[in-house]
Amino acid sequence: MNNTQYTCCIFDLDGTIINTIHALTYTTNLVLARFGLEPVGEEAMMKMVGNGYKKQMERSLLASGDKELVHFEASLPLYQELFRKHCLHDLEPYPGMMELLNRMKKAGMKLAVLTNKPHQRGIETVEAVYGKGFFDYILGEQESIPKKPDPAGAFMVMDALKVSREECLYMGDTNTDMETAANAGLDAVGAVWGFRGREELEAFHPKFLAEKPLDVADMLGI
């Protein structure tokens, strides 16, 4: 029984439904090593992701000592090539996330993923953990769609699933996600368990803040 007004939830991917930090860090460090640069740690990588792979590589190069971004242009195709091979490296679903998603499904909610990860890698990542067809819609980075926090992707998802803003939640773990929700006019859920933590999320005054996935089920009464 769905006791909530929401009939749909759009999820961020990295740091929200799947812990992908191992794959992101592993691939980035392979790229850095090609240029003789120092690796970055997973804690540092959590602050670098969220705005697409180009910004991720820019931040990583700067952190590793390439202050002039000499290797930036060369790093981009290399990252894409290596990420195709390693995007499924040590993926972990967050504890309780599968149960939350199943409760949402049981309550009749549609489930979607909106990510700044390249579109095909996003599909592969989600399906590797949750299986094909588990989510109703998956949308990743494409040239024709501005990246989050631009709301265009969220609008595209809502159009595809035929839901209104009022009945759609947006859940994510970074400032980019909170801005995306605000720009799209959606109620936001801040995923405290993800890459950034409570303080960054709280600054955006989301509708809900959740320490763990099943807290969201309790908040929604499902």
C-alpha atoms as a PDB file:
ATOM      1  CA  MET A   1       0.000   0.000   0.000  1.00  0.00           C
ATOM      2  CA  ASN A   2       1.434   3.397  -0.968  1.00  0.00           C
ATOM      3  CA  ASN A   3       0.706   5.875   1.808  1.00  0.00           C
ATOM      4  CA  THR A   4       2.677   8.640   0.114  1.00  0.00           C
ATOM      5  CA  GLN A   5       1.944  11.178  -2.605  1.00  0.00           C
ATOM      6  CA  TYR A   6       4.970   9.963  -4.559  1.00  0.00           C
ATOM      7  CA  THR A   7       4.527   7.567  -7.466  1.00  0.00           C
ATOM      8  CA  CYS A   8       8.095   7.790  -8.766  1.00  0.00           C
ATOM      9  CA  CYS A   9      11.640   8.167  -7.496  1.00  0.00           C
ATOM     10  CA  ILE A  10      14.619   9.257  -9.586  1.00  0.00           C
ATOM     11  CA  PHE A  11      17.912   8.056  -8.117  1.00  0.00           C
ATOM     12  CA  ASP A  12      21.441   9.245  -8.595  1.00  0.00           C
ATOM     13  CA  LEU A  13      23.770   6.289  -9.211  1.00  0.00           C
ATOM     14  CA  ASP A  14      27.273   6.706  -7.727  1.00  0.00           C
ATOM     15  CA  GLY A  15      27.138   6.976  -3.951  1.00  0.00           C
ATOM     16  CA  THR A  16      23.352   6.594  -3.834  1.00  0.00           C
ATOM     17  CA  ILE A  17      22.221   3.170  -5.071  1.00  0.00           C
ATOM     18  CA  ILE A  18      25.671   1.637  -5.666  1.00  0.00           C
ATOM     19  CA  ASN A  19      29.045   2.172  -4.036  1.00  0.00           C
ATOM     20  CA  THR A  20      31.139   2.654  -7.168  1.00  0.00           C
ATOM     21  CA  ILE A  21      34.106   4.368  -5.529  1.00  0.00           C
ATOM     22  CA  HIS A  22      36.408   1.357  -6.025  1.00  0.00           C
ATOM     23  CA  ALA A  23      35.814   1.338  -9.796  1.00  0.00           C
ATOM     24  CA  LEU A  24      36.099   5.110 -10.136  1.00  0.00           C
ATOM     25  CA  THR A  25      39.324   5.296  -8.129  1.00  0.00           C
ATOM     26  CA  TYR A  26      40.864   2.234  -9.773  1.00  0.00           C
ATOM     27  CA  THR A  27      40.252   3.546 -13.301  1.00  0.00           C
ATOM     28  CA  THR A  28      41.371   7.078 -12.492  1.00  0.00           C
ATOM     29  CA  ASN A  29      44.609   5.808 -10.973  1.00  0.00           C
ATOM     30  CA  LEU A  30      45.322   3.704 -14.063  1.00  0.00           C
ATOM     31  CA  VAL A  31      45.077   6.903 -16.107  1.00  0.00           C
ATOM     32  CA  LEU A  32      47.273   8.873 -13.704  1.00  0.00           C
ATOM     33  CA  ALA A  33      49.880   6.099 -13.744  1.00  0.00           C
ATOM     34  CA  ARG A  34      50.153   6.357 -17.546  1.00  0.00           C
ATOM     35  CA  PHE A  35      51.408   9.923 -17.031  1.00  0.00           C
ATOM     36  CA  GLY A  36      53.707   9.036 -14.133  1.00  0.00           C
ATOM     37  CA  LEU A  37      51.468  10.787 -11.599  1.00  0.00           C
ATOM     38  CA  GLU A  38      50.717   9.812  -8.019  1.00  0.00           C
ATOM     39  CA  PRO A  39      47.476   7.889  -7.318  1.00  0.00           C
ATOM     40  CA  VAL A  40      44.555   9.412  -5.435  1.00  0.00           C
ATOM     41  CA  GLY A  41      42.848   7.691  -2.517  1.00  0.00           C
ATOM     42  CA  GLU A  42      39.201   6.685  -2.311  1.00  0.00           C
ATOM     43  CA  GLU A  43      38.400   9.319   0.335  1.00  0.00           C
ATOM     44  CA  ALA A  44      39.751  12.042  -1.947  1.00  0.00           C
ATOM     45  CA  MET A  45      37.934  10.563  -4.959  1.00  0.00           C
ATOM     46  CA  MET A  46      34.605  10.894  -3.145  1.00  0.00           C
ATOM     47  CA  LYS A  47      35.032  14.674  -3.389  1.00  0.00           C
ATOM     48  CA  MET A  48      36.018  14.594  -7.064  1.00  0.00           C
ATOM     49  CA  VAL A  49      33.110  12.698  -8.590  1.00  0.00           C
ATOM     50  CA  GLY A  50      29.562  13.795  -9.360  1.00  0.00           C
ATOM     51  CA  ASN A  51      29.987  16.266 -12.222  1.00  0.00           C
ATOM     52  CA  GLY A  52      30.934  13.853 -15.004  1.00  0.00           C
ATOM     53  CA  TYR A  53      34.197  12.165 -15.935  1.00  0.00           C
ATOM     54  CA  LYS A  54      35.822  15.283 -17.445  1.00  0.00           C
ATOM     55  CA  LYS A  55      35.547  17.241 -14.204  1.00  0.00           C
ATOM     56  CA  GLN A  56      36.592  14.123 -12.291  1.00  0.00           C
ATOM     57  CA  MET A  57      39.790  13.831 -14.353  1.00  0.00           C
ATOM     58  CA  GLU A  58      40.499  17.553 -14.057  1.00  0.00           C
ATOM     59  CA  ARG A  59      40.266  17.390 -10.269  1.00  0.00           C
ATOM     60  CA  SER A  60      42.307  14.192 -10.120  1.00  0.00           C
ATOM     61  CA  LEU A  61      45.112  15.594 -12.288  1.00  0.00           C
ATOM     62  CA  LEU A  62      45.301  18.723 -10.168  1.00  0.00           C
ATOM     63  CA  ALA A  63      45.407  16.655  -6.978  1.00  0.00           C
ATOM     64  CA  SER A  64      48.181  14.483  -8.421  1.00  0.00           C
ATOM     65  CA  GLY A  65      50.450  17.379  -9.287  1.00  0.00           C
ATOM     66  CA  ASP A  66      49.508  18.287 -12.860  1.00  0.00           C
ATOM     67  CA  LYS A  67      48.812  21.894 -11.878  1.00  0.00           C
ATOM     68  CA  GLU A  68      48.831  23.116 -15.495  1.00  0.00           C
ATOM     69  CA  LEU A  69      46.554  20.265 -16.642  1.00  0.00           C
ATOM     70  CA  VAL A  70      49.113  19.332 -19.280  1.00  0.00           C
ATOM     71  CA  HIS A  71      47.642  15.811 -19.529  1.00  0.00           C
ATOM     72  CA  PHE A  72      43.967  16.774 -19.399  1.00  0.00           C
ATOM     73  CA  GLU A  73      43.046  16.358 -23.079  1.00  0.00           C
ATOM     74  CA  ALA A  74      44.967  13.089 -23.391  1.00  0.00           C
ATOM     75  CA  SER A  75      43.402  11.746 -20.190  1.00  0.00           C
ATOM     76  CA  LEU A  76      39.800  11.887 -21.439  1.00  0.00           C
ATOM     77  CA  PRO A  77      39.807   9.237 -24.199  1.00  0.00           C
ATOM     78  CA  LEU A  78      42.130   7.117 -22.057  1.00  0.00           C
ATOM     79  CA  TYR A  79      39.713   7.262 -19.125  1.00  0.00           C
ATOM     80  CA  GLN A  80      36.792   6.279 -21.358  1.00  0.00           C
ATOM     81  CA  GLU A  81      38.767   3.369 -22.826  1.00  0.00           C
ATOM     82  CA  LEU A  82      39.828   2.066 -19.412  1.00  0.00           C
ATOM     83  CA  PHE A  83      36.442   2.672 -17.792  1.00  0.00           C
ATOM     84  CA  ARG A  84      34.779   0.500 -20.417  1.00  0.00           C
ATOM     85  CA  LYS A  85      36.931  -2.342 -19.072  1.00  0.00           C
ATOM     86  CA  HIS A  86      36.793  -1.552 -15.364  1.00  0.00           C
ATOM     87  CA  CYS A  87      33.439   0.163 -14.644  1.00  0.00           C
ATOM     88  CA  LEU A  88      32.183  -2.970 -12.849  1.00  0.00           C
ATOM     89  CA  HIS A  89      35.267  -3.261 -10.603  1.00  0.00           C
ATOM     90  CA  ASP A  90      34.258  -4.167  -7.009  1.00  0.00           C
ATOM     91  CA  LEU A  91      30.731  -2.714  -7.191  1.00  0.00           C
ATOM     92  CA  GLU A  92      28.693  -2.910  -3.980  1.00  0.00           C
ATOM     93  CA  PRO A  93      24.999  -2.194  -3.441  1.00  0.00           C
ATOM     94  CA  TYR A  94      24.492  -0.178  -0.266  1.00  0.00           C
ATOM     95  CA  PRO A  95      23.081  -2.225   2.623  1.00  0.00           C
ATOM     96  CA  GLY A  96      19.288  -1.999   2.671  1.00  0.00           C
ATOM     97  CA  MET A  97      19.016  -0.430  -0.783  1.00  0.00           C
ATOM     98  CA  MET A  98      17.566  -3.523  -2.461  1.00  0.00           C
ATOM     99  CA  GLU A  99      14.904  -3.783   0.238  1.00  0.00           C
ATOM    100  CA  LEU A 100      14.024  -0.101  -0.136  1.00  0.00           C
ATOM    101  CA  LEU A 101      13.711  -0.465  -3.906  1.00  0.00           C
ATOM    102  CA  ASN A 102      11.546  -3.563  -3.544  1.00  0.00           C
ATOM    103  CA  ARG A 103       9.293  -1.780  -1.046  1.00  0.00           C
ATOM    104  CA  MET A 104       8.941   1.121  -3.462  1.00  0.00           C
ATOM    105  CA  LYS A 105       8.029  -1.274  -6.253  1.00  0.00           C
ATOM    106  CA  LYS A 106       5.505  -3.010  -4.020  1.00  0.00           C
ATOM    107  CA  ALA A 107       3.982   0.400  -3.266  1.00  0.00           C
ATOM    108  CA  GLY A 108       3.539   0.911  -7.011  1.00  0.00           C
ATOM    109  CA  MET A 109       6.316   3.468  -7.465  1.00  0.00           C
ATOM    110  CA  LYS A 110       8.255   3.773 -10.713  1.00  0.00           C
ATOM    111  CA  LEU A 111      12.046   3.739 -10.332  1.00  0.00           C
ATOM    112  CA  ALA A 112      14.546   5.606 -12.495  1.00  0.00           C
ATOM    113  CA  VAL A 113      18.269   6.368 -12.489  1.00  0.00           C
ATOM    114  CA  LEU A 114      19.727   9.697 -13.641  1.00  0.00           C
ATOM    115  CA  THR A 115      23.527   9.819 -13.646  1.00  0.00           C
ATOM    116  CA  ASN A 116      26.374  11.935 -14.995  1.00  0.00           C
ATOM    117  CA  LYS A 117      28.188   8.687 -15.766  1.00  0.00           C
ATOM    118  CA  PRO A 118      28.362   8.055 -19.548  1.00  0.00           C
ATOM    119  CA  HIS A 119      25.048   6.531 -20.626  1.00  0.00           C
ATOM    120  CA  GLN A 120      26.203   3.040 -21.606  1.00  0.00           C
ATOM    121  CA  ARG A 121      28.455   2.706 -18.540  1.00  0.00           C
ATOM    122  CA  GLY A 122      25.509   3.775 -16.381  1.00  0.00           C
ATOM    123  CA  ILE A 123      23.290   1.041 -17.810  1.00  0.00           C
ATOM    124  CA  GLU A 124      26.032  -1.580 -17.401  1.00  0.00           C
ATOM    125  CA  THR A 125      26.718  -0.535 -13.804  1.00  0.00           C
ATOM    126  CA  VAL A 126      23.059  -0.585 -12.727  1.00  0.00           C
ATOM    127  CA  GLU A 127      22.312  -3.886 -14.476  1.00  0.00           C
ATOM    128  CA  ALA A 128      25.424  -5.550 -13.031  1.00  0.00           C
ATOM    129  CA  VAL A 129      24.052  -5.032  -9.517  1.00  0.00           C
ATOM    130  CA  TYR A 130      20.263  -4.983  -9.927  1.00  0.00           C
ATOM    131  CA  GLY A 131      19.695  -6.929 -13.123  1.00  0.00           C
ATOM    132  CA  LYS A 132      18.204  -6.002 -16.474  1.00  0.00           C
ATOM    133  CA  GLY A 133      14.827  -4.288 -16.357  1.00  0.00           C
ATOM    134  CA  PHE A 134      14.744  -3.730 -12.585  1.00  0.00           C
ATOM    135  CA  PHE A 135      14.590   0.042 -13.056  1.00  0.00           C
ATOM    136  CA  ASP A 136      11.915   1.521 -15.288  1.00  0.00           C
ATOM    137  CA  TYR A 137      14.303   4.026 -16.885  1.00  0.00           C
ATOM    138  CA  ILE A 138      18.061   4.710 -16.854  1.00  0.00           C
ATOM    139  CA  LEU A 139      19.549   7.891 -18.280  1.00  0.00           C
ATOM    140  CA  GLY A 140      23.259   8.701 -18.330  1.00  0.00           C
ATOM    141  CA  GLU A 141      25.454  11.411 -19.786  1.00  0.00           C
ATOM    142  CA  GLN A 142      24.923  12.063 -23.491  1.00  0.00           C
ATOM    143  CA  GLU A 143      26.084  14.903 -25.732  1.00  0.00           C
ATOM    144  CA  SER A 144      22.504  15.995 -26.389  1.00  0.00           C
ATOM    145  CA  ILE A 145      21.546  16.358 -22.708  1.00  0.00           C
ATOM    146  CA  PRO A 146      23.148  18.849 -20.309  1.00  0.00           C
ATOM    147  CA  LYS A 147      24.693  17.231 -17.234  1.00  0.00           C
ATOM    148  CA  LYS A 148      23.241  17.563 -13.761  1.00  0.00           C
ATOM    149  CA  PRO A 149      22.575  19.918 -12.024  1.00  0.00           C
ATOM    150  CA  ASP A 150      20.820  21.059 -15.194  1.00  0.00           C
ATOM    151  CA  PRO A 151      17.256  19.726 -14.822  1.00  0.00           C
ATOM    152  CA  ALA A 152      16.907  18.610 -18.473  1.00  0.00           C
ATOM    153  CA  GLY A 153      17.651  14.966 -17.667  1.00  0.00           C
ATOM    154  CA  ALA A 154      15.136  14.907 -14.828  1.00  0.00           C
ATOM    155  CA  PHE A 155      12.471  16.371 -17.101  1.00  0.00           C
ATOM    156  CA  MET A 156      13.301  13.739 -19.732  1.00  0.00           C
ATOM    157  CA  VAL A 157      12.864  10.962 -17.175  1.00  0.00           C
ATOM    158  CA  MET A 158       9.555  12.360 -15.930  1.00  0.00           C
ATOM    159  CA  ASP A 159       8.269  12.689 -19.502  1.00  0.00           C
ATOM    160  CA  ALA A 160       9.249   9.114 -20.279  1.00  0.00           C
ATOM    161  CA  LEU A 161       7.521   7.778 -17.164  1.00  0.00           C
ATOM    162  CA  LYS A 162       4.561  10.153 -17.480  1.00  0.00           C
ATOM    163  CA  VAL A 163       4.801  11.552 -13.946  1.00  0.00           C
ATOM    164  CA  SER A 164       4.452  15.102 -12.656  1.00  0.00           C
ATOM    165  CA  ARG A 165       6.913  16.992 -10.456  1.00  0.00           C
ATOM    166  CA  GLU A 166       4.548  16.786  -7.517  1.00  0.00           C
ATOM    167  CA  GLU A 167       4.557  12.990  -7.514  1.00  0.00           C
ATOM    168  CA  CYS A 168       8.290  12.514  -8.125  1.00  0.00           C
ATOM    169  CA  LEU A 169      11.105  12.307  -5.558  1.00  0.00           C
ATOM    170  CA  TYR A 170      14.767  12.810  -6.381  1.00  0.00           C
ATOM    171  CA  MET A 171      17.398  11.008  -4.279  1.00  0.00           C
ATOM    172  CA  GLY A 172      21.127  11.700  -4.306  1.00  0.00           C
ATOM    173  CA  ASP A 173      24.241  12.052  -2.168  1.00  0.00           C
ATOM    174  CA  THR A 174      25.967  15.253  -3.391  1.00  0.00           C
ATOM    175  CA  ASN A 175      25.442  18.988  -3.788  1.00  0.00           C
ATOM    176  CA  THR A 176      25.020  18.348  -7.525  1.00  0.00           C
ATOM    177  CA  ASP A 177      22.032  16.125  -6.760  1.00  0.00           C
ATOM    178  CA  MET A 178      20.439  18.596  -4.359  1.00  0.00           C
ATOM    179  CA  GLU A 179      20.830  21.338  -6.992  1.00  0.00           C
ATOM    180  CA  THR A 180      19.347  19.048  -9.648  1.00  0.00           C
ATOM    181  CA  ALA A 181      16.268  18.430  -7.512  1.00  0.00           C
ATOM    182  CA  ALA A 182      15.861  22.156  -6.806  1.00  0.00           C
ATOM    183  CA  ASN A 183      16.310  23.088 -10.464  1.00  0.00           C
ATOM    184  CA  ALA A 184      13.708  20.512 -11.507  1.00  0.00           C
ATOM    185  CA  GLY A 185      11.258  21.516  -8.765  1.00  0.00           C
ATOM    186  CA  LEU A 186      11.397  18.100  -7.096  1.00  0.00           C
ATOM    187  CA  ASP A 187      11.371  17.116  -3.441  1.00  0.00           C
ATOM    188  CA  ALA A 188      14.836  15.841  -2.569  1.00  0.00           C
ATOM    189  CA  VAL A 189      16.100  13.010  -0.401  1.00  0.00           C
ATOM    190  CA  GLY A 190      19.676  13.469   0.813  1.00  0.00           C
ATOM    191  CA  ALA A 191      21.513  10.132   0.985  1.00  0.00           C
ATOM    192  CA  VAL A 192      23.800  10.613   3.980  1.00  0.00           C
ATOM    193  CA  TRP A 193      25.337   7.149   3.427  1.00  0.00           C
ATOM    194  CA  GLY A 194      26.948   8.252   0.134  1.00  0.00           C
ATOM    195  CA  PHE A 195      30.126  10.038  -0.886  1.00  0.00           C
ATOM    196  CA  ARG A 196      29.648  13.449   0.764  1.00  0.00           C
ATOM    197  CA  GLY A 197      27.767  13.172   4.051  1.00  0.00           C
ATOM    198  CA  ARG A 198      25.238  15.134   6.081  1.00  0.00           C
ATOM    199  CA  GLU A 199      26.794  18.596   6.170  1.00  0.00           C
ATOM    200  CA  GLU A 200      26.958  19.078   2.390  1.00  0.00           C
ATOM    201  CA  LEU A 201      23.399  17.814   1.922  1.00  0.00           C
ATOM    202  CA  GLU A 202      21.886  19.700   4.846  1.00  0.00           C
ATOM    203  CA  ALA A 203      22.966  23.020   3.343  1.00  0.00           C
ATOM    204  CA  PHE A 204      20.373  22.517   0.579  1.00  0.00           C
ATOM    205  CA  HIS A 205      17.455  21.796   2.941  1.00  0.00           C
ATOM    206  CA  PRO A 206      16.201  18.617   1.249  1.00  0.00           C
ATOM    207  CA  LYS A 207      12.708  17.357   2.062  1.00  0.00           C
ATOM    208  CA  PHE A 208      14.239  14.283   3.732  1.00  0.00           C
ATOM    209  CA  LEU A 209      17.694  13.392   5.048  1.00  0.00           C
ATOM    210  CA  ALA A 210      18.314   9.676   5.458  1.00  0.00           C
ATOM    211  CA  GLU A 211      21.202   8.000   7.279  1.00  0.00           C
ATOM    212  CA  LYS A 212      20.471   4.662   5.600  1.00  0.00           C
ATOM    213  CA  PRO A 213      18.217   3.490   2.761  1.00  0.00           C
ATOM    214  CA  LEU A 214      15.504   1.945   4.909  1.00  0.00           C
ATOM    215  CA  ASP A 215      15.040   5.296   6.680  1.00  0.00           C
ATOM    216  CA  VAL A 216      13.475   6.439   3.401  1.00  0.00           C
ATOM    217  CA  ALA A 217      10.929   3.610   3.538  1.00  0.00           C
ATOM    218  CA  ASP A 218       9.967   4.719   7.044  1.00  0.00           C
ATOM    219  CA  MET A 219       9.684   8.352   5.935  1.00  0.00           C
ATOM    220  CA  LEU A 220       7.387   7.352   3.075  1.00  0.00           C
ATOM    221  CA  GLY A 221       5.364   4.900   5.139  1.00  0.00           C
ATOM    222  CA  ILE A 222       5.954   1.982   2.785  1.00  0.00           C
END
